[in-house]
N, C-alpha and C. Protein backbone atom coordinates (compact mmCIF):
# COMPACT_ATOMS: atom_id res chain seq x y z
N UNK A 1 16.79 22.89 -14.89
CA UNK A 1 16.09 21.43 -14.89
C UNK A 1 16.62 20.69 -16.17
N UNK A 2 16.70 19.43 -15.97
CA UNK A 2 16.99 18.49 -17.16
C UNK A 2 15.74 18.29 -18.00
N UNK A 3 15.85 18.71 -19.22
CA UNK A 3 14.76 18.52 -20.00
C UNK A 3 15.22 18.19 -21.59
N UNK A 4 15.39 16.94 -21.89
CA UNK A 4 15.87 16.55 -23.19
C UNK A 4 14.59 16.85 -24.25
N UNK A 5 14.99 17.05 -25.40
CA UNK A 5 14.05 17.58 -26.39
C UNK A 5 12.85 16.33 -26.47
N UNK A 6 11.76 16.76 -26.44
CA UNK A 6 10.56 16.01 -26.41
C UNK A 6 9.94 15.28 -25.17
N UNK A 7 10.86 15.63 -24.29
CA UNK A 7 10.47 15.09 -22.85
C UNK A 7 9.80 16.00 -21.86
N UNK A 8 9.67 17.20 -22.41
CA UNK A 8 9.01 18.23 -21.40
C UNK A 8 7.47 18.41 -21.67
N UNK A 9 6.89 17.35 -22.04
CA UNK A 9 5.55 17.26 -22.11
C UNK A 9 4.78 17.22 -20.82
N UNK A 10 3.44 17.59 -20.77
CA UNK A 10 2.61 17.31 -19.57
C UNK A 10 2.47 16.00 -19.17
N UNK A 11 2.43 15.18 -20.17
CA UNK A 11 2.24 13.72 -19.97
C UNK A 11 3.65 13.17 -19.23
N UNK A 12 4.87 13.57 -19.68
CA UNK A 12 6.13 13.15 -19.13
C UNK A 12 6.02 13.65 -17.59
N UNK A 13 5.56 14.94 -17.35
CA UNK A 13 5.69 15.43 -15.86
C UNK A 13 4.72 14.53 -15.09
N UNK A 14 3.67 14.05 -15.57
CA UNK A 14 2.64 13.22 -14.82
C UNK A 14 3.51 11.87 -14.49
N UNK A 15 4.12 11.32 -15.54
CA UNK A 15 4.94 9.86 -15.35
C UNK A 15 5.84 10.22 -14.37
N UNK A 16 6.70 11.34 -14.38
CA UNK A 16 7.86 11.48 -13.44
C UNK A 16 7.11 11.64 -11.91
N UNK A 17 6.02 12.25 -11.70
CA UNK A 17 5.50 12.40 -10.50
C UNK A 17 5.01 11.03 -9.97
N UNK A 18 4.48 10.23 -10.96
CA UNK A 18 3.92 8.86 -10.47
C UNK A 18 5.27 7.87 -10.11
N UNK A 19 6.22 8.07 -10.92
CA UNK A 19 7.49 7.26 -10.70
C UNK A 19 8.04 7.72 -9.36
N UNK A 20 8.02 8.96 -9.01
CA UNK A 20 8.71 9.44 -7.72
C UNK A 20 7.86 8.95 -6.48
N UNK A 21 6.51 8.93 -6.60
CA UNK A 21 5.52 8.37 -5.62
C UNK A 21 5.80 7.03 -5.58
N UNK A 22 6.09 6.24 -6.64
CA UNK A 22 6.37 4.69 -6.43
C UNK A 22 7.76 4.56 -5.67
N UNK A 23 8.69 5.34 -6.01
CA UNK A 23 9.97 5.00 -5.47
C UNK A 23 9.78 5.36 -3.97
N UNK A 24 9.02 6.42 -3.56
CA UNK A 24 8.88 6.57 -2.15
C UNK A 24 8.23 5.62 -1.45
N UNK A 25 7.27 4.89 -2.01
CA UNK A 25 6.47 3.84 -1.44
C UNK A 25 7.40 2.58 -1.22
N UNK A 26 8.14 2.50 -2.31
CA UNK A 26 9.15 1.41 -2.12
C UNK A 26 10.29 1.49 -1.04
N UNK A 27 10.61 2.77 -0.88
CA UNK A 27 11.59 3.03 0.21
C UNK A 27 11.00 2.88 1.50
N UNK A 28 9.77 3.21 1.67
CA UNK A 28 8.95 3.03 2.89
C UNK A 28 8.92 1.64 3.19
N UNK A 29 8.70 0.71 2.34
CA UNK A 29 8.57 -0.55 2.36
C UNK A 29 10.05 -1.29 2.90
N UNK A 30 11.13 -0.80 2.40
CA UNK A 30 12.49 -1.19 2.77
C UNK A 30 12.63 -0.76 4.23
N UNK A 31 12.23 0.46 4.50
CA UNK A 31 12.45 0.95 5.74
C UNK A 31 11.61 0.18 6.89
N UNK A 32 10.45 -0.14 6.49
CA UNK A 32 9.52 -0.99 7.35
C UNK A 32 10.03 -2.23 7.62
N UNK A 33 10.52 -2.88 6.44
CA UNK A 33 11.11 -4.19 6.58
C UNK A 33 12.38 -4.30 7.62
N UNK A 34 13.23 -3.35 7.41
CA UNK A 34 14.41 -3.25 8.40
C UNK A 34 13.86 -2.96 9.84
N UNK A 35 12.72 -2.29 10.07
CA UNK A 35 12.31 -1.89 11.38
C UNK A 35 11.60 -3.24 11.99
N UNK A 36 10.94 -3.98 11.25
CA UNK A 36 10.34 -5.26 11.65
C UNK A 36 11.29 -6.25 11.86
N UNK A 37 12.10 -6.53 10.82
CA UNK A 37 12.97 -7.88 10.93
C UNK A 37 14.33 -7.51 11.29
N UNK A 38 14.94 -6.30 11.25
CA UNK A 38 16.27 -5.99 11.39
C UNK A 38 17.23 -6.52 10.22
N UNK A 39 16.84 -6.91 9.11
CA UNK A 39 17.54 -7.26 8.17
C UNK A 39 17.39 -6.38 6.85
N UNK A 40 18.37 -6.27 6.02
CA UNK A 40 18.27 -5.40 4.77
C UNK A 40 17.49 -6.14 3.84
N UNK A 41 16.92 -5.42 2.83
CA UNK A 41 15.96 -5.97 1.83
C UNK A 41 16.66 -7.19 1.11
N UNK A 42 17.99 -7.17 0.73
CA UNK A 42 18.68 -8.21 0.17
C UNK A 42 18.79 -9.38 1.14
N UNK A 43 19.12 -9.18 2.33
CA UNK A 43 19.26 -10.20 3.35
C UNK A 43 17.93 -10.93 3.57
N UNK A 44 16.80 -10.30 3.53
CA UNK A 44 15.50 -10.72 3.65
C UNK A 44 15.00 -11.45 2.39
N UNK A 45 15.41 -11.15 1.40
CA UNK A 45 14.94 -11.69 0.02
C UNK A 45 15.82 -13.14 0.10
N UNK A 46 17.13 -13.07 0.49
CA UNK A 46 17.99 -14.37 0.57
C UNK A 46 17.20 -15.32 1.58
N UNK A 47 16.96 -14.85 2.65
CA UNK A 47 16.25 -15.67 3.69
C UNK A 47 14.89 -16.38 3.27
N UNK A 48 14.09 -15.33 2.58
CA UNK A 48 12.84 -15.91 2.02
C UNK A 48 13.12 -17.00 1.00
N UNK A 49 13.87 -16.75 0.10
CA UNK A 49 14.07 -17.85 -1.07
C UNK A 49 14.79 -19.00 -0.49
N UNK A 50 15.42 -18.80 0.58
CA UNK A 50 16.02 -20.26 1.34
C UNK A 50 14.85 -21.17 1.92
N UNK A 51 13.87 -20.29 2.45
CA UNK A 51 12.71 -20.87 3.27
C UNK A 51 11.48 -20.08 3.17
N UNK A 52 10.79 -20.15 2.02
CA UNK A 52 9.71 -19.29 1.85
C UNK A 52 8.53 -19.51 2.69
N UNK A 53 8.40 -20.79 3.20
CA UNK A 53 7.09 -21.11 4.09
C UNK A 53 7.34 -20.58 5.55
N UNK A 54 8.47 -20.17 5.90
CA UNK A 54 8.75 -19.84 7.31
C UNK A 54 9.34 -18.52 7.42
N UNK A 55 9.93 -17.92 6.07
CA UNK A 55 10.34 -16.49 6.32
C UNK A 55 9.27 -15.67 5.34
N UNK A 56 8.30 -15.10 5.89
CA UNK A 56 7.28 -14.14 5.27
C UNK A 56 6.69 -13.25 5.92
N UNK A 57 5.77 -12.40 5.50
CA UNK A 57 5.18 -11.26 6.37
C UNK A 57 4.25 -12.07 7.45
N UNK A 58 3.69 -13.27 7.30
CA UNK A 58 2.78 -13.81 8.07
C UNK A 58 3.42 -14.27 9.23
N UNK A 59 4.74 -14.65 9.15
CA UNK A 59 5.43 -15.40 10.33
C UNK A 59 6.19 -14.48 10.94
N UNK A 60 6.31 -12.95 10.41
CA UNK A 60 7.13 -12.13 11.14
C UNK A 60 6.47 -11.46 12.47
N UNK A 61 7.13 -10.75 13.20
CA UNK A 61 6.49 -10.23 14.32
C UNK A 61 5.30 -9.35 14.15
N UNK A 62 4.97 -8.97 13.03
CA UNK A 62 3.76 -8.10 12.67
C UNK A 62 2.68 -8.88 11.89
N UNK A 63 2.93 -10.08 11.83
CA UNK A 63 1.98 -11.14 11.08
C UNK A 63 0.53 -10.81 11.32
N UNK A 64 0.17 -10.76 12.59
CA UNK A 64 -1.10 -10.65 13.12
C UNK A 64 -1.77 -9.32 12.61
N UNK A 65 -0.88 -8.33 12.90
CA UNK A 65 -1.42 -7.09 12.40
C UNK A 65 -1.62 -7.02 10.93
N UNK A 66 -0.78 -7.69 10.24
CA UNK A 66 -0.78 -7.60 8.69
C UNK A 66 -2.13 -8.21 8.31
N UNK A 67 -2.45 -9.30 8.86
CA UNK A 67 -3.60 -10.18 8.54
C UNK A 67 -4.95 -9.31 8.77
N UNK A 68 -4.82 -8.54 10.08
CA UNK A 68 -5.91 -7.83 10.50
C UNK A 68 -6.11 -6.68 9.56
N UNK A 69 -5.05 -6.19 8.89
CA UNK A 69 -5.33 -4.93 7.96
C UNK A 69 -5.75 -5.52 6.54
N UNK A 70 -5.39 -6.60 6.28
CA UNK A 70 -5.84 -7.41 5.12
C UNK A 70 -7.27 -7.60 5.18
N UNK A 71 -7.75 -8.11 6.22
CA UNK A 71 -9.20 -8.35 6.40
C UNK A 71 -9.89 -7.06 6.37
N UNK A 72 -9.57 -6.01 7.15
CA UNK A 72 -10.21 -4.85 7.29
C UNK A 72 -10.25 -4.19 5.81
N UNK A 73 -9.16 -4.33 4.99
CA UNK A 73 -9.23 -3.68 3.52
C UNK A 73 -10.09 -4.46 2.54
N UNK A 74 -10.38 -5.95 3.13
CA UNK A 74 -11.15 -6.53 2.25
C UNK A 74 -12.79 -6.41 2.71
N UNK A 75 -12.88 -6.12 3.94
CA UNK A 75 -14.44 -5.81 4.28
C UNK A 75 -15.13 -4.33 4.16
N UNK A 76 -13.97 -3.45 4.36
CA UNK A 76 -14.40 -1.94 4.25
C UNK A 76 -15.08 -1.61 3.07
N UNK A 77 -14.69 -2.08 1.88
CA UNK A 77 -15.50 -1.64 0.58
C UNK A 77 -16.73 -2.33 0.45
N UNK A 78 -17.12 -3.42 1.03
CA UNK A 78 -18.37 -4.13 0.90
C UNK A 78 -19.28 -3.40 1.92
N UNK A 79 -18.79 -2.97 3.22
CA UNK A 79 -19.57 -2.04 4.01
C UNK A 79 -20.09 -0.97 3.52
N UNK A 80 -19.30 -0.05 2.68
CA UNK A 80 -19.66 1.14 1.90
C UNK A 80 -20.61 0.95 0.95
N UNK A 81 -20.42 -0.13 0.03
CA UNK A 81 -21.34 -0.49 -1.02
C UNK A 81 -22.74 -0.87 -0.42
N UNK A 82 -22.76 -1.65 0.62
CA UNK A 82 -23.99 -1.99 1.28
C UNK A 82 -24.60 -0.79 1.71
N UNK A 83 -23.82 0.12 2.41
CA UNK A 83 -24.42 1.24 3.07
C UNK A 83 -25.07 2.10 1.95
N UNK A 84 -24.43 2.06 0.79
CA UNK A 84 -25.05 2.80 -0.39
C UNK A 84 -26.39 2.31 -0.87
N UNK A 85 -26.32 0.95 -1.01
CA UNK A 85 -27.64 0.29 -1.41
C UNK A 85 -28.79 0.29 -0.53
N UNK A 86 -28.52 0.32 0.78
CA UNK A 86 -29.61 0.47 1.76
C UNK A 86 -30.11 1.76 2.09
N UNK A 87 -29.34 2.73 1.49
CA UNK A 87 -29.81 4.25 2.00
C UNK A 87 -31.13 4.59 1.16
N UNK A 88 -31.97 5.46 1.79
CA UNK A 88 -33.10 5.76 1.12
C UNK A 88 -32.88 6.89 0.09
N UNK A 89 -31.76 7.49 0.18
CA UNK A 89 -31.52 8.52 -0.80
C UNK A 89 -31.73 9.86 -0.20
N UNK A 90 -32.07 10.08 1.04
CA UNK A 90 -32.41 11.38 1.61
C UNK A 90 -31.16 12.06 1.78
N UNK A 91 -30.04 11.41 2.16
CA UNK A 91 -28.77 11.88 2.46
C UNK A 91 -28.03 12.07 1.09
N UNK A 92 -27.42 13.15 0.71
CA UNK A 92 -26.67 13.33 -0.61
C UNK A 92 -25.51 12.46 -0.54
N UNK A 93 -24.87 12.47 0.50
CA UNK A 93 -23.44 11.65 0.56
C UNK A 93 -23.45 11.00 1.82
N UNK A 94 -22.66 9.72 1.91
CA UNK A 94 -22.61 8.89 2.95
C UNK A 94 -21.49 9.50 3.91
N UNK A 95 -21.62 9.67 5.13
CA UNK A 95 -20.47 10.20 5.85
C UNK A 95 -20.53 9.24 7.22
N UNK A 96 -19.47 8.31 7.18
CA UNK A 96 -19.45 7.39 8.32
C UNK A 96 -19.08 8.21 9.71
N UNK A 97 -18.45 9.22 9.71
CA UNK A 97 -18.28 10.07 10.87
C UNK A 97 -19.16 11.16 10.58
N UNK A 98 -20.10 11.38 11.59
CA UNK A 98 -21.00 12.51 11.56
C UNK A 98 -20.67 13.90 11.61
N UNK A 99 -19.45 14.30 12.11
CA UNK A 99 -19.07 15.67 12.03
C UNK A 99 -18.24 16.12 10.99
């Protein structure tokens, strides 16, 4: 393994893992963009820069699904906080699925 002096600390290992996870998520985004639009990331960026109001996630073929996901991600935390506040404390943990 490549380990320059002073770089083999536990903190550097955590940073390397986080960097790898970020790289995997960005690759997933690029693959998803190609699956939805059929263009490469650079072609998509050029098209968006030329006409940002008409070439974006909301005007793509998955725009409605994206909006629904954003709404769900916005409402879900409020539901869990509300459920926690109105509980009587008899249940140790809130389980939205009973099994």
